[in-house]
């Protein structure tokens, strides 16, 4: 029977975190372990903390490494250290609540790795008012037969629309086959209005690239070669992997901020646990300025009202599925 490796202590910001079984292999194809994962997150510390700070966060845990099952965990377990920050969120439909991780610094990130977390999936709102998003997420989600060349072209169309609106968008790879663009917004609206605005934007992108983009809600009705601009990622309690989050695949890909001038050349698998630390050391956090300006959604809500007056439906029920 294999013996467990002795625990080690890791300095993470203001806290010391004990990492048990540090030599447990998490990424068999890469030969990377639990302590390698912790060291990765330490290497991008400023970036991952900026991406998660003050946001309710769902954890994707792999207690046995990627060879085992994935656990989606919202509630912080009993026995967490007293300094760990949390935020209470409610789920009215189920008459339940959860105290979710709310990252304030590197200590919470490394604690989550100790708890076997690989992926971090934060809300697009913060603890100060979890019902008012301050982040609008543009998710460029390719259908099964949609190539990455299409993703690149649509990202450039989205950039063009954002520029015309005077809005700064911050792109990143998804860690999968798509791209994400994040925008800081004023926390003046609820999730419903943010989704309406996101749908109006998606429809404008679709108008400019009708042969490549779809906003069709039901997955079965979409062209398998199309790119879906998934406005639903702005719904309440819907989350996607944060910037600098590792993804739970054997390639160890990372959802990584990129420059706009990299969109035409980037490849989805360029950024991994093995390559991102050096990139971060050289370039720093390409999303470092994301909090500098919060944009107003009113122009997009005017677009939504225009579309609805012409008979286009508003966003479907986010829990109806796609």
Protein backbone atom coordinates (compact mmCIF):
# COMPACT_ATOMS: atom_id res chain seq x y z
CA UNK A 1 0.00 0.00 0.00
CA UNK A 2 1.38 3.40 -0.98
CA UNK A 3 2.36 5.66 1.88
CA UNK A 4 1.26 9.25 2.06
CA UNK A 5 3.87 11.94 1.77
CA UNK A 6 4.30 14.10 4.88
CA UNK A 7 2.43 17.40 5.00
CA UNK A 8 4.23 20.65 4.19
CA UNK A 9 3.50 24.23 5.17
CA UNK A 10 3.14 26.93 2.54
CA UNK A 11 3.36 30.67 3.11
CA UNK A 12 0.39 32.23 1.32
CA UNK A 13 0.11 35.97 1.84
CA UNK A 14 -0.66 36.61 5.49
CA UNK A 15 -1.30 32.97 6.30
CA UNK A 16 0.51 29.67 6.57
CA UNK A 17 -1.43 26.81 5.01
CA UNK A 18 -0.77 23.15 5.69
CA UNK A 19 -0.81 21.02 2.53
CA UNK A 20 -1.44 17.37 3.28
CA UNK A 21 -0.26 14.62 0.93
CA UNK A 22 1.62 17.13 -1.27
CA UNK A 23 2.97 14.43 -3.60
CA UNK A 24 -0.45 13.14 -4.63
CA UNK A 25 -0.50 13.16 -8.42
CA UNK A 26 -3.25 15.40 -9.77
CA UNK A 27 -2.29 15.53 -13.45
CA UNK A 28 -1.00 12.06 -14.38
CA UNK A 29 -0.08 12.90 -17.97
CA UNK A 30 2.03 15.85 -16.81
CA UNK A 31 3.30 14.21 -13.64
CA UNK A 32 2.15 17.22 -11.60
CA UNK A 33 1.16 16.94 -7.97
CA UNK A 34 -0.92 18.75 -5.39
CA UNK A 35 2.05 20.85 -4.28
CA UNK A 36 2.79 21.71 -7.93
CA UNK A 37 -0.77 23.01 -8.19
CA UNK A 38 -0.34 25.09 -5.02
CA UNK A 39 2.94 26.50 -6.33
CA UNK A 40 1.28 27.39 -9.63
CA UNK A 41 -1.37 29.46 -7.84
CA UNK A 42 1.31 31.14 -5.75
CA UNK A 43 3.17 32.06 -8.95
CA UNK A 44 0.14 33.94 -10.32
CA UNK A 45 -0.95 35.21 -6.91
CA UNK A 46 -1.84 38.80 -7.78
CA UNK A 47 -3.79 37.68 -10.83
CA UNK A 48 -5.86 34.92 -9.25
CA UNK A 49 -6.67 37.06 -6.21
CA UNK A 50 -7.75 39.97 -8.44
CA UNK A 51 -10.00 37.62 -10.42
CA UNK A 52 -11.65 36.16 -7.31
CA UNK A 53 -11.54 38.98 -4.76
CA UNK A 54 -14.74 39.42 -2.75
CA UNK A 55 -16.76 37.12 -5.04
CA UNK A 56 -18.78 34.10 -3.92
CA UNK A 57 -16.87 31.19 -5.39
CA UNK A 58 -17.83 27.66 -6.28
CA UNK A 59 -14.99 25.15 -6.09
CA UNK A 60 -14.42 22.30 -8.52
CA UNK A 61 -12.62 19.73 -6.39
CA UNK A 62 -10.84 16.52 -7.39
CA UNK A 63 -10.16 14.69 -4.09
CA UNK A 64 -8.36 11.84 -5.89
CA UNK A 65 -6.78 13.98 -8.60
CA UNK A 66 -8.08 14.10 -12.17
CA UNK A 67 -8.24 10.32 -12.27
CA UNK A 68 -11.11 10.49 -9.76
CA UNK A 69 -14.51 12.15 -9.62
CA UNK A 70 -15.12 15.89 -9.68
CA UNK A 71 -17.06 17.52 -6.82
CA UNK A 72 -18.86 20.85 -7.25
CA UNK A 73 -18.74 22.48 -3.83
CA UNK A 74 -20.53 25.67 -2.84
CA UNK A 75 -20.48 25.40 0.94
CA UNK A 76 -17.32 25.89 2.94
CA UNK A 77 -17.05 22.81 5.17
CA UNK A 78 -17.01 22.80 8.95
CA UNK A 79 -13.52 22.99 10.38
CA UNK A 80 -12.25 25.66 7.99
CA UNK A 81 -9.66 28.00 9.53
CA UNK A 82 -11.14 30.97 11.41
CA UNK A 83 -9.45 33.49 9.13
CA UNK A 84 -11.11 32.07 6.00
CA UNK A 85 -13.46 34.62 4.42
CA UNK A 86 -16.93 33.57 3.28
CA UNK A 87 -20.12 35.19 2.07
CA UNK A 88 -23.66 33.90 2.50
CA UNK A 89 -25.74 33.52 -0.64
CA UNK A 90 -29.35 32.40 -0.84
CA UNK A 91 -31.15 30.17 -3.30
CA UNK A 92 -34.80 31.25 -3.07
CA UNK A 93 -36.06 28.60 -5.47
CA UNK A 94 -34.86 25.88 -3.08
CA UNK A 95 -35.27 27.86 0.16
CA UNK A 96 -31.61 27.26 0.96
CA UNK A 97 -28.45 29.21 1.57
CA UNK A 98 -24.72 28.54 1.46
CA UNK A 99 -21.65 30.15 2.98
CA UNK A 100 -19.35 30.22 -0.04
CA UNK A 101 -15.65 30.93 -0.17
CA UNK A 102 -14.97 34.63 -0.66
CA UNK A 103 -11.32 35.17 -1.50
CA UNK A 104 -9.62 38.06 0.25
CA UNK A 105 -6.04 36.99 -0.36
CA UNK A 106 -3.74 34.14 -1.30
CA UNK A 107 -4.46 32.28 1.91
CA UNK A 108 -7.98 31.40 0.76
CA UNK A 109 -6.70 30.27 -2.65
CA UNK A 110 -4.07 27.90 -1.23
CA UNK A 111 -6.52 26.64 1.42
CA UNK A 112 -8.84 25.70 -1.46
CA UNK A 113 -6.00 23.78 -3.13
CA UNK A 114 -5.44 21.96 0.16
CA UNK A 115 -9.12 21.01 -0.09
CA UNK A 116 -8.33 19.49 -3.53
CA UNK A 117 -9.68 22.40 -5.59
CA UNK A 118 -8.40 22.61 -9.16
CA UNK A 119 -10.90 25.09 -10.68
CA UNK A 120 -12.26 28.35 -9.26
CA UNK A 121 -15.69 29.49 -10.49
CA UNK A 122 -16.66 32.88 -9.04
CA UNK A 123 -19.92 34.79 -9.30
CA UNK A 124 -19.97 38.02 -11.32
CA UNK A 125 -21.01 39.99 -8.22
CA UNK A 126 -19.21 40.79 -4.98
CA UNK A 127 -19.84 40.44 -1.28
CA UNK A 128 -20.93 44.08 -0.85
CA UNK A 129 -24.11 43.29 -2.81
CA UNK A 130 -24.27 39.81 -4.28
CA UNK A 131 -27.49 40.68 -6.14
CA UNK A 132 -25.87 43.44 -8.23
CA UNK A 133 -23.24 42.18 -10.69
CA UNK A 134 -20.19 44.33 -11.37
CA UNK A 135 -18.88 42.08 -14.14
CA UNK A 136 -20.41 41.37 -17.54
CA UNK A 137 -19.13 38.19 -19.14
CA UNK A 138 -19.05 37.60 -22.88
CA UNK A 139 -18.63 33.87 -23.41
CA UNK A 140 -17.69 32.83 -26.95
CA UNK A 141 -18.72 29.19 -26.84
CA UNK A 142 -18.04 27.15 -30.01
CA UNK A 143 -20.42 24.40 -31.00
CA UNK A 144 -18.87 20.95 -31.69
CA UNK A 145 -17.98 21.60 -35.35
CA UNK A 146 -16.91 25.23 -34.87
CA UNK A 147 -13.18 25.75 -35.35
CA UNK A 148 -11.01 28.11 -33.37
CA UNK A 149 -10.56 30.32 -36.43
CA UNK A 150 -14.23 31.22 -36.08
CA UNK A 151 -13.72 31.99 -32.39
CA UNK A 152 -10.93 34.39 -33.32
CA UNK A 153 -12.99 36.18 -35.96
CA UNK A 154 -16.00 36.56 -33.67
CA UNK A 155 -13.79 37.86 -30.86
CA UNK A 156 -12.61 40.60 -33.20
CA UNK A 157 -16.21 41.47 -34.08
CA UNK A 158 -17.06 41.68 -30.39
CA UNK A 159 -14.03 43.92 -29.86
CA UNK A 160 -15.25 46.19 -32.66
CA UNK A 161 -18.69 46.53 -31.04
CA UNK A 162 -17.16 47.21 -27.63
CA UNK A 163 -14.92 49.90 -29.11
CA UNK A 164 -17.92 51.60 -30.71
CA UNK A 165 -19.62 51.61 -27.31
CA UNK A 166 -16.50 53.02 -25.65
CA UNK A 167 -16.25 49.94 -23.43
CA UNK A 168 -12.98 48.28 -22.41
CA UNK A 169 -13.12 44.50 -22.72
CA UNK A 170 -10.52 42.17 -21.23
CA UNK A 171 -10.10 38.91 -23.17
CA UNK A 172 -8.88 35.58 -21.89
CA UNK A 173 -8.79 32.01 -23.07
CA UNK A 174 -11.39 29.75 -21.53
CA UNK A 175 -8.95 26.93 -20.93
CA UNK A 176 -11.10 24.96 -23.37
CA UNK A 177 -12.09 25.70 -26.98
CA UNK A 178 -13.48 29.21 -26.51
CA UNK A 179 -12.64 32.72 -25.42
CA UNK A 180 -14.11 34.95 -22.71
CA UNK A 181 -14.25 38.75 -22.58
CA UNK A 182 -14.83 40.43 -19.23
CA UNK A 183 -16.14 43.97 -18.70
CA UNK A 184 -16.40 45.84 -15.40
CA UNK A 185 -19.82 47.45 -15.03
CA UNK A 186 -21.41 49.72 -12.47
CA UNK A 187 -23.31 47.56 -9.93
CA UNK A 188 -26.55 49.36 -10.65
CA UNK A 189 -28.60 46.49 -12.08
CA UNK A 190 -29.78 43.04 -11.10
CA UNK A 191 -28.92 39.83 -12.88
CA UNK A 192 -31.98 40.02 -15.12
CA UNK A 193 -31.01 43.35 -16.64
CA UNK A 194 -27.38 42.29 -17.06
CA UNK A 195 -28.58 39.25 -19.01
CA UNK A 196 -30.84 41.45 -21.14
CA UNK A 197 -27.90 43.71 -21.91
CA UNK A 198 -25.68 40.71 -22.67
CA UNK A 199 -28.29 39.28 -25.05
CA UNK A 200 -28.63 42.63 -26.85
CA UNK A 201 -24.85 42.72 -27.33
CA UNK A 202 -24.81 39.11 -28.54
CA UNK A 203 -27.52 39.90 -31.09
CA UNK A 204 -25.49 42.82 -32.44
CA UNK A 205 -22.49 40.53 -32.86
CA UNK A 206 -24.78 38.03 -34.60
CA UNK A 207 -26.01 40.73 -37.00
CA UNK A 208 -22.44 41.48 -38.00
CA UNK A 209 -21.40 37.85 -38.40
CA UNK A 210 -24.66 36.04 -39.23
CA UNK A 211 -22.98 33.07 -40.91
CA UNK A 212 -20.84 32.28 -37.88
CA UNK A 213 -22.71 33.42 -34.75
CA UNK A 214 -25.88 32.20 -33.09
CA UNK A 215 -27.90 33.41 -30.12
CA UNK A 216 -30.41 30.57 -30.45
CA UNK A 217 -31.34 29.43 -26.95
CA UNK A 218 -31.93 25.71 -27.40
CA UNK A 219 -28.78 23.76 -28.15
CA UNK A 220 -30.62 21.30 -30.40
CA UNK A 221 -31.64 24.19 -32.67
CA UNK A 222 -28.12 25.57 -33.17
CA UNK A 223 -25.96 25.00 -36.22
CA UNK A 224 -23.15 22.69 -35.01
CA UNK A 225 -20.65 24.84 -36.94
CA UNK A 226 -21.72 28.07 -35.23
CA UNK A 227 -20.35 29.97 -32.27
CA UNK A 228 -22.85 30.61 -29.49
CA UNK A 229 -22.46 33.94 -27.68
CA UNK A 230 -23.59 32.62 -24.33
CA UNK A 231 -25.26 35.53 -22.58
CA UNK A 232 -26.63 33.11 -19.99
CA UNK A 233 -23.29 33.13 -18.18
CA UNK A 234 -24.55 36.38 -16.61
CA UNK A 235 -27.46 34.66 -14.86
CA UNK A 236 -27.57 34.48 -11.09
CA UNK A 237 -25.42 31.67 -9.68
CA UNK A 238 -24.06 30.77 -13.12
CA UNK A 239 -20.28 30.69 -13.05
CA UNK A 240 -17.33 30.09 -15.35
CA UNK A 241 -13.67 29.53 -14.62
CA UNK A 242 -11.89 32.68 -13.52
CA UNK A 243 -8.80 34.21 -15.04
CA UNK A 244 -5.78 32.11 -14.02
CA UNK A 245 -7.95 29.15 -13.00
CA UNK A 246 -6.52 25.80 -13.97
CA UNK A 247 -9.00 23.59 -15.81
CA UNK A 248 -9.70 20.02 -14.82
CA UNK A 249 -8.20 18.30 -17.83
CA UNK A 250 -5.08 16.21 -18.34
CA UNK A 251 -3.42 18.96 -20.39
CA UNK A 252 -3.47 21.26 -17.36
CA UNK A 253 -4.76 24.19 -19.39
CA UNK A 254 -5.28 27.57 -17.74
CA UNK A 255 -7.88 30.25 -18.45
CA UNK A 256 -5.37 32.97 -19.29
CA UNK A 257 -5.63 36.72 -19.95
CA UNK A 258 -4.38 37.71 -23.38
CA UNK A 259 -3.85 40.98 -25.25
CA UNK A 260 -6.20 41.90 -28.06
CA UNK A 261 -3.30 41.74 -30.50
CA UNK A 262 -2.81 38.07 -29.54
CA UNK A 263 -6.32 36.99 -30.55
CA UNK A 264 -5.34 36.18 -34.14
CA UNK A 265 -2.44 33.93 -33.18
CA UNK A 266 -3.28 32.37 -29.83
CA UNK A 267 -3.94 28.63 -29.62
CA UNK A 268 -6.19 27.17 -26.90
CA UNK A 269 -3.50 24.86 -25.53
CA UNK A 270 -0.74 27.48 -25.42
CA UNK A 271 -1.39 28.22 -21.76
CA UNK A 272 -0.88 25.51 -19.16
CA UNK A 273 0.35 24.96 -15.63
CA UNK A 274 3.81 24.62 -17.15
CA UNK A 275 3.83 27.77 -19.31
CA UNK A 276 1.72 30.39 -17.54
CA UNK A 277 4.05 31.08 -14.57
CA UNK A 278 6.85 32.27 -16.88
CA UNK A 279 4.38 34.33 -18.92
CA UNK A 280 3.03 35.92 -15.75
CA UNK A 281 6.56 36.67 -14.52
CA UNK A 282 7.32 38.41 -17.81
CA UNK A 283 4.06 40.24 -18.52
CA UNK A 284 2.39 40.51 -15.13
CA UNK A 285 -1.40 40.41 -14.93
CA UNK A 286 -2.88 41.57 -18.24
CA UNK A 287 -6.14 42.19 -16.37
CA UNK A 288 -4.45 44.48 -13.83
CA UNK A 289 -6.41 47.51 -15.09
CA UNK A 290 -9.80 45.83 -15.20
CA UNK A 291 -11.08 47.61 -12.08
CA UNK A 292 -10.01 51.07 -13.23
CA UNK A 293 -13.27 51.92 -15.04
CA UNK A 294 -16.79 50.60 -14.47
CA UNK A 295 -19.01 51.00 -17.52
CA UNK A 296 -22.69 51.93 -17.75
CA UNK A 297 -25.07 49.31 -19.16
CA UNK A 298 -27.75 51.80 -20.16
CA UNK A 299 -26.80 51.89 -23.87
CA UNK A 300 -27.10 48.12 -24.06
CA UNK A 301 -30.37 48.14 -22.15
CA UNK A 302 -31.66 50.63 -24.74
CA UNK A 303 -30.64 48.13 -27.42
CA UNK A 304 -32.55 45.44 -25.50
CA UNK A 305 -35.68 47.62 -25.41
CA UNK A 306 -35.34 48.29 -29.15
CA UNK A 307 -35.08 44.58 -29.90
CA UNK A 308 -38.04 43.74 -27.67
CA UNK A 309 -40.17 46.41 -29.39
CA UNK A 310 -39.49 44.69 -32.72
CA UNK A 311 -40.79 41.41 -31.33
CA UNK A 312 -37.57 39.69 -30.33
CA UNK A 313 -37.95 37.81 -27.09
CA UNK A 314 -35.97 38.64 -23.99
CA UNK A 315 -33.72 36.10 -22.28
CA UNK A 316 -35.23 32.69 -21.63
CA UNK A 317 -35.44 31.21 -18.15
CA UNK A 318 -31.79 30.52 -17.27
CA UNK A 319 -32.75 27.31 -15.47
CA UNK A 320 -34.59 25.93 -18.49
CA UNK A 321 -31.32 24.57 -19.85
CA UNK A 322 -29.64 24.90 -23.24
